[in-house]
Amino acid sequence: MSSPDTLARLEATIAARSGADPDSSYVARLNAKGLRKIAQKLGEEATETVIAALTEDEKALVGESADLLFHLMVLLGAKGVPLSDVMAELDRREGTSGIAEKAARPKD
């Protein structure tokens, strides 16, 4: 059974493994290949999640969603962005319409 601490534990595991031997750790192997590879892998997992949502069953969607979250957390770790920052941003947006929140963003 998962808990609210699941993502915090995963973040700690990713941090601990990021500097490990790339031959023994997938996280270390991704980090050794660099940010571009990590971002590419995240994009692949996002695409696989979309495909699962559109063409596969719930079990496949759950699995792909877990892969997507994992690779997002590897990317956040590689960039030095703590999960708590992402959670704080979600907390800040809570109760705000997505349409209103997007309209309030600075224009590029």
Protein backbone atom coordinates (compact mmCIF):
# COMPACT_ATOMS: atom_id res chain seq x y z
CA MET A 1 0.00 0.00 0.00
CA SER A 2 1.31 3.43 -0.90
CA SER A 3 1.33 6.46 1.32
CA PRO A 4 1.93 10.19 1.00
CA ASP A 5 5.55 9.40 1.81
CA THR A 6 6.01 7.25 -1.31
CA LEU A 7 7.29 10.12 -3.45
CA ALA A 8 9.53 11.41 -0.65
CA ARG A 9 11.08 7.94 -0.27
CA LEU A 10 11.53 7.71 -4.03
CA GLU A 11 13.19 11.12 -4.09
CA ALA A 12 15.63 10.00 -1.38
CA THR A 13 16.38 6.76 -3.23
CA ILE A 14 17.02 8.61 -6.49
CA ALA A 15 19.35 11.04 -4.70
CA ALA A 16 21.24 8.18 -3.06
CA ARG A 17 21.66 6.31 -6.32
CA SER A 18 22.47 9.24 -8.58
CA GLY A 19 26.18 9.00 -7.82
CA ALA A 20 26.37 5.20 -7.72
CA ASP A 21 28.11 2.97 -10.22
CA PRO A 22 26.26 3.22 -13.55
CA ASP A 23 26.76 -0.53 -14.00
CA SER A 24 24.71 -1.23 -10.88
CA SER A 25 22.13 1.60 -10.86
CA TYR A 26 19.69 2.69 -13.56
CA VAL A 27 19.46 6.15 -11.96
CA ALA A 28 23.26 6.49 -12.02
CA ARG A 29 23.32 5.31 -15.65
CA LEU A 30 20.76 7.96 -16.64
CA ASN A 31 22.67 10.66 -14.77
CA ALA A 32 25.94 9.59 -16.39
CA LYS A 33 24.34 10.06 -19.81
CA GLY A 34 23.36 13.61 -18.93
CA LEU A 35 20.36 15.86 -18.76
CA ARG A 36 19.52 15.53 -22.44
CA LYS A 37 19.12 11.74 -22.12
CA ILE A 38 17.08 12.07 -18.93
CA ALA A 39 14.76 14.57 -20.63
CA GLN A 40 14.48 12.32 -23.69
CA LYS A 41 13.54 9.37 -21.49
CA LEU A 42 10.91 11.46 -19.70
CA GLY A 43 9.42 12.39 -23.08
CA GLU A 44 9.33 8.73 -24.13
CA GLU A 45 7.56 7.80 -20.91
CA ALA A 46 5.04 10.62 -21.39
CA THR A 47 4.26 9.33 -24.88
CA GLU A 48 3.89 5.77 -23.58
CA THR A 49 1.52 7.03 -20.88
CA VAL A 50 -0.65 8.77 -23.47
CA ILE A 51 -0.71 5.65 -25.64
CA ALA A 52 -1.67 3.51 -22.65
CA ALA A 53 -4.47 5.92 -21.77
CA LEU A 54 -5.87 5.77 -25.28
CA THR A 55 -5.36 2.15 -26.27
CA GLU A 56 -4.59 -0.06 -23.27
CA ASP A 57 -6.14 -1.19 -20.02
CA GLU A 58 -5.95 0.40 -16.58
CA LYS A 59 -3.03 -1.79 -15.49
CA ALA A 60 -0.92 -0.57 -18.43
CA LEU A 61 -1.85 3.04 -17.67
CA VAL A 62 -0.88 2.62 -14.02
CA GLY A 63 2.48 1.12 -14.98
CA GLU A 64 3.28 3.81 -17.53
CA SER A 65 2.19 6.52 -15.08
CA ALA A 66 4.59 5.12 -12.48
CA ASP A 67 7.39 5.15 -15.08
CA LEU A 68 6.52 8.75 -15.96
CA LEU A 69 6.59 9.92 -12.34
CA PHE A 70 9.85 8.08 -11.71
CA HIS A 71 11.58 9.66 -14.70
CA LEU A 72 10.21 13.11 -13.81
CA MET A 73 11.74 12.72 -10.37
CA VAL A 74 15.08 11.66 -11.87
CA LEU A 75 14.97 14.83 -13.99
CA LEU A 76 14.07 17.01 -11.01
CA GLY A 77 16.94 15.47 -9.05
CA ALA A 78 19.40 16.03 -11.88
CA LYS A 79 18.36 19.69 -12.01
CA GLY A 80 18.55 20.05 -8.21
CA VAL A 81 14.85 20.84 -7.91
CA PRO A 82 13.38 19.38 -4.74
CA LEU A 83 10.02 17.65 -4.97
CA SER A 84 8.88 19.96 -2.16
CA ASP A 85 9.15 22.90 -4.59
CA VAL A 86 6.81 21.16 -7.03
CA MET A 87 4.41 20.26 -4.22
CA ALA A 88 4.47 23.87 -2.98
CA GLU A 89 3.58 25.07 -6.46
CA LEU A 90 0.67 22.62 -6.59
CA ASP A 91 -0.44 23.85 -3.15
CA ARG A 92 -0.24 27.45 -4.39
CA ARG A 93 -2.47 26.60 -7.34
CA GLU A 94 -5.02 24.68 -5.30
CA GLY A 95 -8.45 26.21 -5.48
CA THR A 96 -7.56 28.27 -8.54
CA SER A 97 -9.23 27.54 -11.84
CA GLY A 98 -6.77 26.13 -14.34
CA ILE A 99 -8.01 28.66 -16.86
CA ALA A 100 -7.50 31.56 -14.44
CA GLU A 101 -4.07 30.26 -13.37
CA LYS A 102 -2.89 29.99 -16.96
CA ALA A 103 -4.23 33.47 -17.81
CA ALA A 104 -2.30 34.93 -14.86
CA ARG A 105 1.07 33.60 -16.08
CA PRO A 106 3.47 36.14 -17.53
CA LYS A 107 3.32 36.32 -21.32
CA ASP A 108 6.52 35.36 -23.17
